[in-house]
């Protein structure tokens, strides 16, 4: 479990225990259920990271809601958008090994994260990884409930594929974009897991 889970969950757990000690059953049940939900939300399971050097793994747990062609920084890319419900693991991971070349935070709206305009209009944190197969853009996007994006890394940090990089609290979305030649292996509706599901295999650069 990430440390944020203890900050949110332990006060609720104490509230539940205190309420039960005073025989306040209804408040105790409310506090107890809230504590279980919060502690479950901040869980952080270990994952088996694929060893294929060209593998681009999912940066998030959830459901693929969009696979589209677009441009970023005047470069044609394919964007894979993954929606994380409040029941999914919300720890985000690096899709490839490489060096973080830039980190850009942008304030914005809080549309429902599964909607297409969320990628453009919502509060977001964009970080760019330069890997052996090219450039990868990863965008953490806040949703209607998620009002806090957490990013643990800095520009210049070197990442391993599947390494934990941050999280988004209480329901959100993550976009991953690549301009490399990639054999993409996921489609809209697929369920993916951060660090272990292969989104695609990047072809060697000539």
N, C-alpha and C. Protein backbone atom coordinates (compact mmCIF):
# COMPACT_ATOMS: atom_id res chain seq x y z
N UNK A 1 0.84 -1.19 0.00
CA UNK A 1 0.00 0.00 0.00
C UNK A 1 0.88 1.25 0.00
N UNK A 2 0.48 2.26 -0.77
CA UNK A 2 1.23 3.52 -0.78
C UNK A 2 0.92 4.30 0.49
N UNK A 3 1.85 5.17 0.89
CA UNK A 3 1.72 5.85 2.17
C UNK A 3 0.48 6.73 2.26
N UNK A 4 0.00 7.25 1.13
CA UNK A 4 -1.21 8.07 1.14
C UNK A 4 -2.40 7.30 1.69
N UNK A 5 -2.40 5.97 1.50
CA UNK A 5 -3.49 5.16 2.00
C UNK A 5 -3.60 5.20 3.50
N UNK A 6 -2.46 5.24 4.19
CA UNK A 6 -2.49 5.32 5.65
C UNK A 6 -2.99 6.67 6.13
N UNK A 7 -2.61 7.74 5.43
CA UNK A 7 -3.06 9.07 5.82
C UNK A 7 -4.58 9.19 5.76
N UNK A 8 -5.17 8.58 4.72
CA UNK A 8 -6.63 8.66 4.56
C UNK A 8 -7.36 7.57 5.34
N UNK A 9 -6.79 6.37 5.35
CA UNK A 9 -7.50 5.23 5.91
C UNK A 9 -7.47 5.12 7.42
N UNK A 10 -6.32 5.44 8.05
CA UNK A 10 -6.21 5.26 9.49
C UNK A 10 -7.17 6.15 10.29
N UNK A 11 -7.36 7.44 9.94
CA UNK A 11 -8.35 8.24 10.68
C UNK A 11 -9.76 7.64 10.59
N UNK A 12 -10.12 7.10 9.42
CA UNK A 12 -11.44 6.48 9.27
C UNK A 12 -11.53 5.21 10.11
N UNK A 13 -10.45 4.44 10.14
CA UNK A 13 -10.44 3.23 10.95
C UNK A 13 -10.55 3.57 12.44
N UNK A 14 -9.85 4.62 12.86
CA UNK A 14 -9.96 5.06 14.26
C UNK A 14 -11.37 5.53 14.58
N UNK A 15 -11.99 6.22 13.61
CA UNK A 15 -13.37 6.66 13.79
C UNK A 15 -14.31 5.48 13.96
N UNK A 16 -14.07 4.41 13.19
CA UNK A 16 -14.90 3.21 13.30
C UNK A 16 -14.73 2.55 14.66
N UNK A 17 -13.48 2.38 15.09
CA UNK A 17 -13.22 1.74 16.37
C UNK A 17 -13.76 2.56 17.53
N UNK A 18 -13.60 3.89 17.44
CA UNK A 18 -14.13 4.76 18.48
C UNK A 18 -15.65 4.70 18.57
N UNK A 19 -16.29 4.68 17.41
CA UNK A 19 -17.76 4.61 17.38
C UNK A 19 -18.26 3.30 17.95
N UNK A 20 -17.60 2.20 17.60
CA UNK A 20 -18.01 0.90 18.15
C UNK A 20 -17.79 0.84 19.66
N UNK A 21 -16.69 1.47 20.11
CA UNK A 21 -16.42 1.48 21.55
C UNK A 21 -17.52 2.21 22.32
N UNK A 22 -18.10 3.22 21.68
CA UNK A 22 -19.19 3.99 22.29
C UNK A 22 -20.56 3.41 21.94
N UNK A 23 -20.57 2.26 21.27
CA UNK A 23 -21.79 1.58 20.85
C UNK A 23 -22.63 2.42 19.89
N UNK A 24 -21.93 3.20 19.09
CA UNK A 24 -22.59 3.96 18.02
C UNK A 24 -22.45 3.13 16.74
N UNK A 25 -23.36 2.19 16.57
CA UNK A 25 -23.20 1.18 15.54
C UNK A 25 -23.29 1.75 14.12
N UNK A 26 -24.26 2.61 13.88
CA UNK A 26 -24.42 3.15 12.53
C UNK A 26 -23.20 3.97 12.08
N UNK A 27 -22.76 4.96 12.89
CA UNK A 27 -21.55 5.69 12.49
C UNK A 27 -20.33 4.78 12.36
N UNK A 28 -20.24 3.77 13.25
CA UNK A 28 -19.12 2.85 13.19
C UNK A 28 -19.08 2.09 11.88
N UNK A 29 -20.26 1.65 11.42
CA UNK A 29 -20.33 0.94 10.14
C UNK A 29 -19.95 1.85 8.99
N UNK A 30 -20.41 3.12 9.03
CA UNK A 30 -20.08 4.07 7.96
C UNK A 30 -18.58 4.31 7.91
N UNK A 31 -17.97 4.58 9.08
CA UNK A 31 -16.53 4.79 9.13
C UNK A 31 -15.77 3.54 8.68
N UNK A 32 -16.26 2.37 9.10
CA UNK A 32 -15.59 1.12 8.76
C UNK A 32 -15.61 0.84 7.27
N UNK A 33 -16.78 1.02 6.63
CA UNK A 33 -16.88 0.80 5.20
C UNK A 33 -16.02 1.80 4.42
N UNK A 34 -16.01 3.05 4.89
CA UNK A 34 -15.18 4.06 4.23
C UNK A 34 -13.69 3.70 4.35
N UNK A 35 -13.29 3.19 5.52
CA UNK A 35 -11.89 2.80 5.72
C UNK A 35 -11.50 1.65 4.79
N UNK A 36 -12.39 0.66 4.65
CA UNK A 36 -12.12 -0.47 3.76
C UNK A 36 -11.98 0.02 2.32
N UNK A 37 -12.88 0.92 1.89
CA UNK A 37 -12.81 1.44 0.53
C UNK A 37 -11.51 2.17 0.29
N UNK A 38 -11.13 3.05 1.21
CA UNK A 38 -9.92 3.86 1.03
C UNK A 38 -8.66 2.98 1.04
N UNK A 39 -8.57 2.05 2.00
CA UNK A 39 -7.39 1.20 2.07
C UNK A 39 -7.28 0.30 0.84
N UNK A 40 -8.41 -0.14 0.32
CA UNK A 40 -8.41 -0.94 -0.91
C UNK A 40 -7.98 -0.09 -2.10
N UNK A 41 -8.41 1.16 -2.13
CA UNK A 41 -8.09 2.06 -3.24
C UNK A 41 -6.58 2.28 -3.34
N UNK A 42 -5.90 2.41 -2.21
CA UNK A 42 -4.48 2.72 -2.23
C UNK A 42 -3.58 1.48 -2.19
N UNK A 43 -4.13 0.32 -2.51
CA UNK A 43 -3.31 -0.88 -2.55
C UNK A 43 -2.26 -0.77 -3.67
N UNK A 44 -1.18 -1.50 -3.49
CA UNK A 44 -0.06 -1.39 -4.44
C UNK A 44 0.56 -2.78 -4.64
N UNK A 45 -0.10 -3.65 -5.41
CA UNK A 45 0.41 -5.02 -5.59
C UNK A 45 1.66 -5.06 -6.44
N UNK A 46 2.47 -6.10 -6.23
CA UNK A 46 3.63 -6.32 -7.07
C UNK A 46 3.18 -6.82 -8.44
N UNK A 47 3.95 -6.54 -9.46
CA UNK A 47 3.63 -6.95 -10.82
C UNK A 47 4.85 -7.62 -11.47
N UNK A 48 4.57 -8.57 -12.36
CA UNK A 48 5.62 -9.19 -13.16
C UNK A 48 5.84 -8.35 -14.41
N UNK A 49 7.03 -7.79 -14.55
CA UNK A 49 7.33 -6.87 -15.65
C UNK A 49 7.86 -7.66 -16.85
N UNK A 50 7.26 -7.50 -18.05
CA UNK A 50 7.76 -8.20 -19.24
C UNK A 50 9.22 -7.84 -19.53
N UNK A 51 9.97 -8.84 -20.03
CA UNK A 51 11.40 -8.63 -20.28
C UNK A 51 11.72 -8.24 -21.71
N UNK A 52 10.75 -8.34 -22.63
CA UNK A 52 11.00 -7.98 -24.02
C UNK A 52 11.47 -6.53 -24.10
N UNK A 53 12.64 -6.25 -24.66
CA UNK A 53 13.18 -4.89 -24.67
C UNK A 53 12.32 -3.90 -25.44
N UNK A 54 11.48 -4.37 -26.38
CA UNK A 54 10.64 -3.48 -27.14
C UNK A 54 9.25 -3.30 -26.56
N UNK A 55 8.96 -3.95 -25.44
CA UNK A 55 7.61 -3.91 -24.88
C UNK A 55 7.27 -2.53 -24.31
N UNK A 56 6.09 -2.06 -24.65
CA UNK A 56 5.51 -0.87 -24.03
C UNK A 56 4.38 -1.37 -23.14
N UNK A 57 4.54 -1.24 -21.83
CA UNK A 57 3.55 -1.79 -20.91
C UNK A 57 2.55 -0.70 -20.49
N UNK A 58 1.44 -1.15 -19.97
CA UNK A 58 0.42 -0.20 -19.54
C UNK A 58 0.93 0.62 -18.35
N UNK A 59 0.70 1.93 -18.36
CA UNK A 59 1.08 2.76 -17.22
C UNK A 59 0.04 2.73 -16.11
N UNK A 60 -1.12 2.09 -16.36
CA UNK A 60 -2.21 2.14 -15.39
C UNK A 60 -3.07 0.89 -15.47
N UNK A 61 -3.74 0.59 -14.36
CA UNK A 61 -4.78 -0.42 -14.36
C UNK A 61 -6.07 0.20 -14.89
N UNK A 62 -6.90 -0.59 -15.55
CA UNK A 62 -8.18 -0.05 -15.98
C UNK A 62 -8.64 -0.60 -17.30
N UNK A 63 -9.48 0.18 -17.98
CA UNK A 63 -10.09 -0.23 -19.25
C UNK A 63 -9.67 0.75 -20.34
N UNK A 64 -9.29 0.21 -21.50
CA UNK A 64 -8.93 1.05 -22.64
C UNK A 64 -10.22 1.68 -23.18
N UNK A 65 -10.27 3.02 -23.20
CA UNK A 65 -11.47 3.72 -23.65
C UNK A 65 -11.28 4.43 -24.99
N UNK A 66 -10.02 4.63 -25.41
CA UNK A 66 -9.77 5.24 -26.71
C UNK A 66 -8.45 4.75 -27.28
N UNK A 67 -8.44 4.55 -28.59
CA UNK A 67 -7.21 4.31 -29.35
C UNK A 67 -7.32 5.19 -30.58
N UNK A 68 -6.57 6.28 -30.60
CA UNK A 68 -6.74 7.27 -31.67
C UNK A 68 -5.39 7.76 -32.19
N UNK A 69 -5.43 8.27 -33.42
CA UNK A 69 -4.26 8.92 -34.01
C UNK A 69 -4.41 10.42 -33.81
N UNK A 70 -3.34 11.08 -33.37
CA UNK A 70 -3.36 12.53 -33.19
C UNK A 70 -1.94 13.05 -33.29
N UNK A 71 -1.76 14.32 -32.98
CA UNK A 71 -0.42 14.90 -33.03
C UNK A 71 -0.09 15.53 -31.69
N UNK A 72 1.19 15.49 -31.35
CA UNK A 72 1.67 16.15 -30.15
C UNK A 72 3.06 16.70 -30.47
N UNK A 73 3.27 17.96 -30.15
CA UNK A 73 4.54 18.63 -30.47
C UNK A 73 4.86 18.48 -31.97
N UNK A 74 3.81 18.60 -32.79
CA UNK A 74 3.93 18.52 -34.26
C UNK A 74 4.42 17.15 -34.74
N UNK A 75 4.19 16.11 -33.93
CA UNK A 75 4.57 14.76 -34.31
C UNK A 75 3.34 13.88 -34.28
N UNK A 76 3.19 13.03 -35.28
CA UNK A 76 2.06 12.10 -35.34
C UNK A 76 2.27 10.98 -34.33
N UNK A 77 1.27 10.74 -33.51
CA UNK A 77 1.36 9.71 -32.48
C UNK A 77 0.07 8.90 -32.44
N UNK A 78 0.16 7.74 -31.82
CA UNK A 78 -1.05 7.00 -31.46
C UNK A 78 -1.23 7.12 -29.96
N UNK A 79 -2.47 7.45 -29.56
CA UNK A 79 -2.78 7.61 -28.14
C UNK A 79 -3.65 6.46 -27.66
N UNK A 80 -3.23 5.84 -26.56
CA UNK A 80 -4.01 4.82 -25.86
C UNK A 80 -4.48 5.44 -24.55
N UNK A 81 -5.79 5.52 -24.35
CA UNK A 81 -6.34 6.13 -23.14
C UNK A 81 -6.93 5.06 -22.25
N UNK A 82 -6.55 5.08 -20.97
CA UNK A 82 -6.96 4.06 -20.00
C UNK A 82 -7.73 4.72 -18.86
N UNK A 83 -8.97 4.29 -18.66
CA UNK A 83 -9.81 4.83 -17.60
C UNK A 83 -9.69 3.96 -16.36
N UNK A 84 -9.40 4.59 -15.22
CA UNK A 84 -9.29 3.89 -13.94
C UNK A 84 -10.52 4.21 -13.10
N UNK A 85 -11.30 3.21 -12.77
CA UNK A 85 -12.44 3.41 -11.89
C UNK A 85 -11.94 3.47 -10.44
N UNK A 86 -12.79 3.90 -9.50
CA UNK A 86 -12.37 3.92 -8.09
C UNK A 86 -11.99 2.54 -7.54
N UNK A 87 -12.36 1.46 -8.22
CA UNK A 87 -12.04 0.12 -7.75
C UNK A 87 -10.71 -0.40 -8.29
N UNK A 88 -10.13 0.30 -9.26
CA UNK A 88 -8.85 -0.14 -9.83
C UNK A 88 -7.68 0.30 -8.97
N UNK A 89 -6.54 -0.40 -9.12
CA UNK A 89 -5.28 0.07 -8.53
C UNK A 89 -4.91 1.39 -9.20
N UNK A 90 -4.51 2.39 -8.41
CA UNK A 90 -4.25 3.72 -8.98
C UNK A 90 -2.79 4.12 -8.99
N UNK A 91 -1.89 3.20 -8.68
CA UNK A 91 -0.47 3.48 -8.81
C UNK A 91 -0.10 3.42 -10.28
N UNK A 92 0.57 4.45 -10.77
CA UNK A 92 1.00 4.52 -12.17
C UNK A 92 2.45 4.06 -12.31
N UNK A 93 2.76 3.45 -13.46
CA UNK A 93 4.09 2.90 -13.69
C UNK A 93 4.64 3.37 -15.05
N UNK A 94 5.95 3.32 -15.19
CA UNK A 94 6.60 3.73 -16.43
C UNK A 94 6.34 2.68 -17.51
N UNK A 95 5.87 3.09 -18.70
CA UNK A 95 5.60 2.12 -19.77
C UNK A 95 6.86 1.57 -20.42
N UNK A 96 7.97 2.32 -20.35
CA UNK A 96 9.24 1.89 -20.94
C UNK A 96 10.38 2.34 -20.04
N UNK A 97 11.55 1.74 -20.27
CA UNK A 97 12.76 2.22 -19.61
C UNK A 97 13.28 3.44 -20.37
N UNK A 98 13.85 4.39 -19.65
CA UNK A 98 14.40 5.57 -20.31
C UNK A 98 14.62 6.70 -19.33
N UNK A 99 14.84 7.87 -19.88
CA UNK A 99 15.12 9.07 -19.08
C UNK A 99 13.97 10.06 -19.24
N UNK A 100 13.53 10.64 -18.13
CA UNK A 100 12.48 11.65 -18.19
C UNK A 100 13.07 12.95 -18.74
N UNK A 101 12.56 13.37 -19.90
CA UNK A 101 13.09 14.57 -20.55
C UNK A 101 12.34 15.83 -20.15
N UNK A 102 11.08 15.70 -19.75
CA UNK A 102 10.33 16.88 -19.32
C UNK A 102 9.13 16.45 -18.48
N UNK A 103 8.70 17.36 -17.61
CA UNK A 103 7.51 17.16 -16.78
C UNK A 103 6.73 18.46 -16.81
N UNK A 104 5.45 18.40 -17.23
CA UNK A 104 4.65 19.61 -17.36
C UNK A 104 3.29 19.41 -16.69
N UNK A 105 3.03 20.23 -15.68
CA UNK A 105 1.73 20.18 -15.00
C UNK A 105 0.83 21.27 -15.58
N UNK A 106 -0.44 20.94 -15.80
CA UNK A 106 -1.40 21.88 -16.36
C UNK A 106 -2.71 21.82 -15.56
N UNK A 107 -3.11 22.92 -14.92
CA UNK A 107 -4.41 22.93 -14.24
C UNK A 107 -5.53 22.90 -15.26
N UNK A 108 -6.71 22.51 -14.81
CA UNK A 108 -7.82 22.44 -15.76
C UNK A 108 -9.12 22.02 -15.12
N UNK A 109 -10.02 21.51 -15.94
CA UNK A 109 -11.35 21.13 -15.49
C UNK A 109 -11.32 19.72 -14.89
N UNK A 110 -12.49 19.23 -14.51
CA UNK A 110 -12.62 17.90 -13.91
C UNK A 110 -13.78 17.15 -14.56
N UNK A 111 -13.72 17.00 -15.90
CA UNK A 111 -14.73 16.23 -16.59
C UNK A 111 -14.60 14.75 -16.18
N UNK A 112 -15.65 13.97 -16.39
CA UNK A 112 -15.56 12.54 -16.17
C UNK A 112 -14.42 12.00 -17.03
N UNK A 113 -13.52 11.23 -16.42
CA UNK A 113 -12.25 10.89 -17.06
C UNK A 113 -12.42 9.99 -18.28
N UNK A 114 -13.54 9.29 -18.40
CA UNK A 114 -13.73 8.41 -19.56
C UNK A 114 -14.12 9.18 -20.82
N UNK A 115 -14.47 10.46 -20.69
CA UNK A 115 -14.88 11.24 -21.85
C UNK A 115 -13.67 11.74 -22.64
N UNK A 116 -13.87 11.92 -23.95
CA UNK A 116 -12.75 12.26 -24.82
C UNK A 116 -12.13 13.61 -24.49
N UNK A 117 -12.95 14.60 -24.06
CA UNK A 117 -12.39 15.94 -23.81
C UNK A 117 -11.50 15.98 -22.57
N UNK A 118 -11.52 14.92 -21.77
CA UNK A 118 -10.68 14.89 -20.57
C UNK A 118 -9.20 14.99 -20.93
N UNK A 119 -8.80 14.39 -22.06
CA UNK A 119 -7.39 14.41 -22.45
C UNK A 119 -6.87 15.81 -22.73
N UNK A 120 -7.79 16.74 -23.07
CA UNK A 120 -7.39 18.09 -23.43
C UNK A 120 -7.70 19.09 -22.32
N UNK A 121 -8.88 18.96 -21.70
CA UNK A 121 -9.38 20.02 -20.83
C UNK A 121 -9.15 19.78 -19.34
N UNK A 122 -8.95 18.53 -18.92
CA UNK A 122 -8.83 18.26 -17.49
C UNK A 122 -7.45 18.61 -16.93
N UNK A 123 -7.40 18.78 -15.61
CA UNK A 123 -6.12 18.93 -14.93
C UNK A 123 -5.25 17.72 -15.27
N UNK A 124 -3.96 17.96 -15.55
CA UNK A 124 -3.12 16.86 -16.02
C UNK A 124 -1.65 17.10 -15.76
N UNK A 125 -0.92 16.01 -15.75
CA UNK A 125 0.54 16.06 -15.63
C UNK A 125 1.12 15.22 -16.76
N UNK A 126 1.91 15.86 -17.62
CA UNK A 126 2.49 15.19 -18.78
C UNK A 126 3.99 15.02 -18.56
N UNK A 127 4.46 13.77 -18.65
CA UNK A 127 5.91 13.56 -18.61
C UNK A 127 6.35 12.78 -19.83
N UNK A 128 7.54 13.09 -20.29
CA UNK A 128 8.07 12.55 -21.53
C UNK A 128 9.28 11.67 -21.22
N UNK A 129 9.24 10.42 -21.73
CA UNK A 129 10.34 9.48 -21.52
C UNK A 129 11.04 9.24 -22.85
N UNK A 130 12.35 9.39 -22.84
CA UNK A 130 13.16 9.07 -24.02
C UNK A 130 13.76 7.69 -23.80
N UNK A 131 13.27 6.70 -24.56
CA UNK A 131 13.74 5.33 -24.41
C UNK A 131 14.48 4.85 -25.63
N UNK A 132 14.86 3.57 -25.61
CA UNK A 132 15.65 3.03 -26.71
C UNK A 132 14.81 2.91 -27.99
N UNK A 133 13.49 2.87 -27.85
CA UNK A 133 12.63 2.73 -29.01
C UNK A 133 11.98 4.04 -29.45
N UNK A 134 12.40 5.14 -28.85
CA UNK A 134 11.83 6.44 -29.21
C UNK A 134 11.24 7.17 -28.03
N UNK A 135 10.40 8.13 -28.34
CA UNK A 135 9.81 8.98 -27.31
C UNK A 135 8.43 8.47 -26.91
N UNK A 136 8.18 8.47 -25.61
CA UNK A 136 6.88 8.08 -25.06
C UNK A 136 6.36 9.23 -24.21
N UNK A 137 5.13 9.65 -24.48
CA UNK A 137 4.47 10.66 -23.66
C UNK A 137 3.45 9.97 -22.76
N UNK A 138 3.45 10.32 -21.49
CA UNK A 138 2.47 9.77 -20.55
C UNK A 138 1.77 10.93 -19.87
N UNK A 139 0.44 10.89 -19.89
CA UNK A 139 -0.35 11.99 -19.33
C UNK A 139 -1.25 11.46 -18.22
N UNK A 140 -1.01 11.92 -17.00
CA UNK A 140 -1.89 11.61 -15.87
C UNK A 140 -3.00 12.66 -15.86
N UNK A 141 -4.25 12.19 -15.84
CA UNK A 141 -5.38 13.10 -15.98
C UNK A 141 -6.34 12.95 -14.80
N UNK A 142 -6.65 14.04 -14.13
CA UNK A 142 -7.61 14.01 -13.03
C UNK A 142 -9.02 13.87 -13.59
N UNK A 143 -9.89 13.20 -12.83
CA UNK A 143 -11.27 13.01 -13.25
C UNK A 143 -12.24 13.80 -12.40
N UNK A 144 -13.51 13.41 -12.45
CA UNK A 144 -14.55 14.12 -11.71
C UNK A 144 -14.35 14.01 -10.21
N UNK A 145 -13.84 12.85 -9.75
CA UNK A 145 -13.59 12.66 -8.32
C UNK A 145 -12.13 12.89 -7.95
N UNK A 146 -11.24 12.59 -8.89
CA UNK A 146 -9.81 12.73 -8.61
C UNK A 146 -9.40 14.20 -8.67
N UNK A 147 -9.00 14.75 -7.55
CA UNK A 147 -8.59 16.15 -7.52
C UNK A 147 -7.13 16.29 -7.09
N UNK A 148 -6.37 15.22 -7.22
CA UNK A 148 -4.98 15.30 -6.82
C UNK A 148 -4.14 14.33 -7.64
N UNK A 149 -3.25 14.87 -8.45
CA UNK A 149 -2.30 14.07 -9.21
C UNK A 149 -0.98 14.05 -8.44
N UNK A 150 -0.43 12.85 -8.25
CA UNK A 150 0.83 12.70 -7.52
C UNK A 150 1.87 12.15 -8.48
N UNK A 151 3.04 12.81 -8.55
CA UNK A 151 4.14 12.35 -9.40
C UNK A 151 5.41 12.37 -8.56
N UNK A 152 6.06 11.22 -8.45
CA UNK A 152 7.20 11.08 -7.54
C UNK A 152 8.56 11.32 -8.19
N UNK A 153 8.59 11.51 -9.50
CA UNK A 153 9.86 11.61 -10.20
C UNK A 153 10.16 13.05 -10.64
N UNK A 154 11.38 13.26 -11.16
CA UNK A 154 11.80 14.57 -11.64
C UNK A 154 12.43 14.46 -13.02
N UNK A 155 12.46 15.58 -13.69
CA UNK A 155 13.11 15.63 -15.00
C UNK A 155 14.57 15.20 -14.85
N UNK A 156 15.03 14.30 -15.72
CA UNK A 156 16.39 13.78 -15.65
C UNK A 156 16.51 12.44 -14.98
N UNK A 157 15.45 12.01 -14.27
CA UNK A 157 15.49 10.70 -13.61
C UNK A 157 15.48 9.59 -14.65
N UNK A 158 16.21 8.53 -14.36
CA UNK A 158 16.19 7.35 -15.22
C UNK A 158 15.19 6.34 -14.66
N UNK A 159 14.35 5.81 -15.54
CA UNK A 159 13.30 4.89 -15.13
C UNK A 159 13.55 3.50 -15.71
N UNK A 160 13.10 2.49 -14.98
CA UNK A 160 13.03 1.14 -15.50
C UNK A 160 11.60 0.86 -15.93
N UNK A 161 11.42 0.00 -16.92
CA UNK A 161 10.07 -0.36 -17.34
C UNK A 161 9.30 -0.94 -16.15
N UNK A 162 8.08 -0.43 -15.95
CA UNK A 162 7.25 -0.91 -14.85
C UNK A 162 7.52 -0.25 -13.52
N UNK A 163 8.47 0.67 -13.46
CA UNK A 163 8.78 1.35 -12.19
C UNK A 163 7.63 2.26 -11.78
N UNK A 164 7.34 2.31 -10.49
CA UNK A 164 6.29 3.17 -9.98
C UNK A 164 6.68 4.64 -10.13
N UNK A 165 5.77 5.46 -10.64
CA UNK A 165 6.09 6.87 -10.86
C UNK A 165 5.12 7.82 -10.16
N UNK A 166 3.95 7.34 -9.75
CA UNK A 166 3.00 8.24 -9.10
C UNK A 166 1.63 7.59 -8.99
N UNK A 167 0.62 8.41 -8.75
CA UNK A 167 -0.75 7.93 -8.68
C UNK A 167 -1.70 9.10 -8.85
N UNK A 168 -2.97 8.77 -9.08
CA UNK A 168 -4.02 9.78 -9.15
C UNK A 168 -5.12 9.32 -8.20
N UNK A 169 -5.58 10.21 -7.34
CA UNK A 169 -6.49 9.81 -6.28
C UNK A 169 -7.95 9.78 -6.72
N UNK A 170 -8.60 8.65 -6.45
CA UNK A 170 -10.06 8.50 -6.56
C UNK A 170 -10.64 8.64 -7.97
N UNK A 171 -10.21 7.77 -8.86
CA UNK A 171 -10.83 7.71 -10.19
C UNK A 171 -10.20 8.67 -11.17
N UNK A 172 -9.72 8.18 -12.31
CA UNK A 172 -8.95 9.05 -13.18
C UNK A 172 -8.65 8.36 -14.51
N UNK A 173 -7.65 8.88 -15.20
CA UNK A 173 -7.32 8.38 -16.53
C UNK A 173 -5.84 8.62 -16.82
N UNK A 174 -5.25 7.74 -17.61
CA UNK A 174 -3.87 7.90 -18.05
C UNK A 174 -3.81 7.66 -19.55
N UNK A 175 -3.17 8.58 -20.28
CA UNK A 175 -2.93 8.44 -21.71
C UNK A 175 -1.46 8.10 -21.93
N UNK A 176 -1.20 7.21 -22.88
CA UNK A 176 0.18 6.94 -23.28
C UNK A 176 0.24 7.10 -24.79
N UNK A 177 1.27 7.81 -25.26
CA UNK A 177 1.41 8.13 -26.68
C UNK A 177 2.81 7.81 -27.18
N UNK A 178 2.90 7.33 -28.40
CA UNK A 178 4.20 6.99 -28.98
C UNK A 178 4.22 7.38 -30.45
N UNK A 179 5.38 7.87 -30.90
CA UNK A 179 5.55 8.17 -32.32
C UNK A 179 6.42 7.11 -33.00
N UNK A 180 6.79 6.06 -32.26
CA UNK A 180 7.60 4.99 -32.83
C UNK A 180 6.72 4.02 -33.62
N UNK A 181 7.36 3.20 -34.44
CA UNK A 181 6.63 2.14 -35.13
C UNK A 181 6.37 1.03 -34.12
N UNK A 182 5.09 0.83 -33.81
CA UNK A 182 4.71 -0.10 -32.75
C UNK A 182 3.66 -1.08 -33.26
N UNK A 183 3.85 -2.35 -32.90
CA UNK A 183 2.83 -3.37 -33.16
C UNK A 183 1.88 -3.35 -31.96
N UNK A 184 0.83 -2.53 -32.04
CA UNK A 184 -0.09 -2.37 -30.92
C UNK A 184 -0.94 -3.62 -30.74
N UNK A 185 -1.19 -3.99 -29.48
CA UNK A 185 -1.85 -5.25 -29.18
C UNK A 185 -3.12 -5.10 -28.36
N UNK A 186 -3.60 -3.87 -28.15
CA UNK A 186 -4.81 -3.67 -27.36
C UNK A 186 -5.84 -2.91 -28.19
N UNK A 187 -7.08 -3.01 -27.77
CA UNK A 187 -8.18 -2.32 -28.44
C UNK A 187 -9.12 -1.77 -27.39
N UNK A 188 -10.05 -0.92 -27.82
CA UNK A 188 -11.03 -0.33 -26.91
C UNK A 188 -11.83 -1.44 -26.23
N UNK A 189 -11.97 -1.31 -24.92
CA UNK A 189 -12.70 -2.30 -24.13
C UNK A 189 -11.81 -3.28 -23.40
N UNK A 190 -10.54 -3.39 -23.79
CA UNK A 190 -9.62 -4.32 -23.13
C UNK A 190 -9.32 -3.86 -21.70
N UNK A 191 -9.17 -4.82 -20.79
CA UNK A 191 -8.71 -4.53 -19.44
C UNK A 191 -7.19 -4.69 -19.39
N UNK A 192 -6.52 -3.74 -18.74
CA UNK A 192 -5.06 -3.77 -18.68
C UNK A 192 -4.59 -3.57 -17.24
N UNK A 193 -3.36 -4.01 -16.97
CA UNK A 193 -2.76 -3.86 -15.65
C UNK A 193 -1.43 -3.13 -15.77
N UNK A 194 -1.22 -2.18 -14.88
CA UNK A 194 0.01 -1.37 -14.90
C UNK A 194 1.24 -2.24 -14.73
N UNK A 195 2.21 -2.04 -15.61
CA UNK A 195 3.49 -2.71 -15.49
C UNK A 195 3.55 -4.11 -16.07
N UNK A 196 2.39 -4.76 -16.28
CA UNK A 196 2.43 -6.15 -16.73
C UNK A 196 1.74 -6.38 -18.07
N UNK A 197 0.71 -5.61 -18.40
CA UNK A 197 0.04 -5.79 -19.69
C UNK A 197 0.84 -5.09 -20.79
N UNK A 198 1.16 -5.81 -21.85
CA UNK A 198 1.88 -5.22 -22.97
C UNK A 198 0.89 -4.52 -23.89
N UNK A 199 1.04 -3.20 -24.05
CA UNK A 199 0.19 -2.45 -24.98
C UNK A 199 0.64 -2.65 -26.42
N UNK A 200 1.94 -2.79 -26.60
CA UNK A 200 2.48 -2.95 -27.95
C UNK A 200 3.96 -3.26 -27.89
N UNK A 201 4.51 -3.69 -29.02
CA UNK A 201 5.94 -3.97 -29.14
C UNK A 201 6.53 -2.99 -30.15
N UNK A 202 7.44 -2.16 -29.68
CA UNK A 202 8.10 -1.20 -30.57
C UNK A 202 9.07 -1.91 -31.50
N UNK A 203 8.99 -1.57 -32.78
CA UNK A 203 9.90 -2.17 -33.75
C UNK A 203 11.25 -1.47 -33.71
N UNK A 204 12.32 -2.19 -33.95
CA UNK A 204 13.67 -1.58 -33.92
C UNK A 204 13.76 -0.41 -34.88
N UNK A 205 14.41 0.67 -34.43
CA UNK A 205 14.57 1.83 -35.28
C UNK A 205 15.70 1.59 -36.26
N UNK A 206 15.49 1.98 -37.51
CA UNK A 206 16.50 1.79 -38.54
C UNK A 206 17.46 2.98 -38.56
